[in-house]
Amino acid sequence: MTVQRYELIFPDGDDAGEDIVVVTRTELKGPGGHPVYQDPTGIVRAEIAVIGDRPEVRMLASGGHQSPAAGVQARPLPD
């Protein structure tokens, strides 16, 4: 089964909670050869590989001067 959409969960440094962004699968492959997902703006981009039963997220820069976030988790969404 190929997941078409994920919620990316960005950990927040304070106790305010989490930031969540929904991303959709594109036709692109990332540096690891896995599908690239992005939000509607194209700014948030991630390569997501499912290892075992857990999605592994590699954030991808979409422009200059970006520092990809670390510690991002992915949660699959139903189609």
C-alpha atoms as a PDB file:
ATOM      1  CA  MET A   1       0.000   0.000   0.000  1.00  0.00           C
ATOM      2  CA  THR A   2       1.363   3.395  -0.980  1.00  0.00           C
ATOM      3  CA  VAL A   3       0.537   6.248   1.360  1.00  0.00           C
ATOM      4  CA  GLN A   4      -0.444   9.392  -0.546  1.00  0.00           C
ATOM      5  CA  ARG A   5      -0.518  11.819   2.405  1.00  0.00           C
ATOM      6  CA  TYR A   6       1.230  12.222   5.746  1.00  0.00           C
ATOM      7  CA  GLU A   7       1.041  14.610   8.652  1.00  0.00           C
ATOM      8  CA  LEU A   8       4.524  15.834   9.496  1.00  0.00           C
ATOM      9  CA  ILE A   9       4.843  16.519  13.213  1.00  0.00           C
ATOM     10  CA  PHE A  10       7.485  19.105  14.074  1.00  0.00           C
ATOM     11  CA  PRO A  11       8.553  19.094  17.732  1.00  0.00           C
ATOM     12  CA  ASP A  12       8.220  22.484  19.374  1.00  0.00           C
ATOM     13  CA  GLY A  13      11.031  23.690  21.616  1.00  0.00           C
ATOM     14  CA  ASP A  14       8.658  25.026  24.265  1.00  0.00           C
ATOM     15  CA  ASP A  15       5.541  23.564  25.869  1.00  0.00           C
ATOM     16  CA  ALA A  16       3.185  25.108  23.291  1.00  0.00           C
ATOM     17  CA  GLY A  17       2.694  21.767  21.525  1.00  0.00           C
ATOM     18  CA  GLU A  18       3.482  20.542  18.048  1.00  0.00           C
ATOM     19  CA  ASP A  19       3.331  22.063  14.586  1.00  0.00           C
ATOM     20  CA  ILE A  20       1.648  19.798  12.032  1.00  0.00           C
ATOM     21  CA  VAL A  21       1.869  20.112   8.242  1.00  0.00           C
ATOM     22  CA  VAL A  22       0.065  17.841   5.759  1.00  0.00           C
ATOM     23  CA  VAL A  23       2.182  16.725   2.798  1.00  0.00           C
ATOM     24  CA  THR A  24       1.193  14.865  -0.384  1.00  0.00           C
ATOM     25  CA  ARG A  25       3.260  12.437  -2.435  1.00  0.00           C
ATOM     26  CA  THR A  26       4.917  13.804  -5.572  1.00  0.00           C
ATOM     27  CA  GLU A  27       6.445  11.963  -8.531  1.00  0.00           C
ATOM     28  CA  LEU A  28       9.949  12.917  -7.300  1.00  0.00           C
ATOM     29  CA  LYS A  29      12.465  10.700  -5.513  1.00  0.00           C
ATOM     30  CA  GLY A  30      14.795  11.994  -2.803  1.00  0.00           C
ATOM     31  CA  PRO A  31      18.525  11.397  -2.404  1.00  0.00           C
ATOM     32  CA  GLY A  32      17.820   8.032  -0.748  1.00  0.00           C
ATOM     33  CA  GLY A  33      15.594   6.909  -3.633  1.00  0.00           C
ATOM     34  CA  HIS A  34      12.362   7.197  -1.636  1.00  0.00           C
ATOM     35  CA  PRO A  35       9.258   9.270  -2.509  1.00  0.00           C
ATOM     36  CA  VAL A  36       9.255  13.011  -1.871  1.00  0.00           C
ATOM     37  CA  TYR A  37       6.201  14.572  -0.225  1.00  0.00           C
ATOM     38  CA  GLN A  38       5.428  18.295  -0.078  1.00  0.00           C
ATOM     39  CA  ASP A  39       2.846  20.718   1.248  1.00  0.00           C
ATOM     40  CA  PRO A  40       0.634  22.735  -1.161  1.00  0.00           C
ATOM     41  CA  THR A  41       3.088  25.676  -1.134  1.00  0.00           C
ATOM     42  CA  GLY A  42       6.075  23.487  -2.061  1.00  0.00           C
ATOM     43  CA  ILE A  43       8.067  24.959   0.820  1.00  0.00           C
ATOM     44  CA  VAL A  44       7.860  21.964   3.168  1.00  0.00           C
ATOM     45  CA  ARG A  45       9.421  18.955   1.451  1.00  0.00           C
ATOM     46  CA  ALA A  46      10.407  15.582   2.895  1.00  0.00           C
ATOM     47  CA  GLU A  47      11.662  12.231   1.701  1.00  0.00           C
ATOM     48  CA  ILE A  48       9.727   9.527   3.564  1.00  0.00           C
ATOM     49  CA  ALA A  49      10.824   5.885   3.716  1.00  0.00           C
ATOM     50  CA  VAL A  50       8.893   3.227   5.593  1.00  0.00           C
ATOM     51  CA  ILE A  51      11.354   1.104   7.570  1.00  0.00           C
ATOM     52  CA  GLY A  52       9.559  -1.860   9.130  1.00  0.00           C
ATOM     53  CA  ASP A  53       6.263  -0.299  10.166  1.00  0.00           C
ATOM     54  CA  ARG A  54       7.643   3.183  10.935  1.00  0.00           C
ATOM     55  CA  PRO A  55       8.007   6.085   8.511  1.00  0.00           C
ATOM     56  CA  GLU A  56      11.475   7.668   8.542  1.00  0.00           C
ATOM     57  CA  VAL A  57      11.573  11.350   7.575  1.00  0.00           C
ATOM     58  CA  ARG A  58      14.413  13.226   5.877  1.00  0.00           C
ATOM     59  CA  MET A  59      13.558  16.903   5.490  1.00  0.00           C
ATOM     60  CA  LEU A  60      14.674  18.479   2.204  1.00  0.00           C
ATOM     61  CA  ALA A  61      15.535  22.132   1.631  1.00  0.00           C
ATOM     62  CA  SER A  62      13.275  23.729  -0.979  1.00  0.00           C
ATOM     63  CA  GLY A  63      15.309  26.929  -1.311  1.00  0.00           C
ATOM     64  CA  GLY A  64      18.459  28.692  -0.269  1.00  0.00           C
ATOM     65  CA  HIS A  65      19.193  29.574   3.344  1.00  0.00           C
ATOM     66  CA  GLN A  66      16.958  26.816   4.724  1.00  0.00           C
ATOM     67  CA  SER A  67      18.049  24.567   7.552  1.00  0.00           C
ATOM     68  CA  PRO A  68      15.979  21.364   7.429  1.00  0.00           C
ATOM     69  CA  ALA A  69      14.338  20.520  10.743  1.00  0.00           C
ATOM     70  CA  ALA A  70      15.438  17.504  12.788  1.00  0.00           C
ATOM     71  CA  GLY A  71      13.284  15.159  14.837  1.00  0.00           C
ATOM     72  CA  VAL A  72      10.277  15.349  12.522  1.00  0.00           C
ATOM     73  CA  GLN A  73       7.847  12.419  12.681  1.00  0.00           C
ATOM     74  CA  ALA A  74       5.343  11.310  10.049  1.00  0.00           C
ATOM     75  CA  ARG A  75       1.849   9.946  10.603  1.00  0.00           C
ATOM     76  CA  PRO A  76       0.031   8.400   7.569  1.00  0.00           C
ATOM     77  CA  LEU A  77      -3.367   9.827   6.640  1.00  0.00           C
ATOM     78  CA  PRO A  78      -6.175   7.820   5.028  1.00  0.00           C
ATOM     79  CA  ASP A  79      -6.853   8.466   1.346  1.00  0.00           C
END
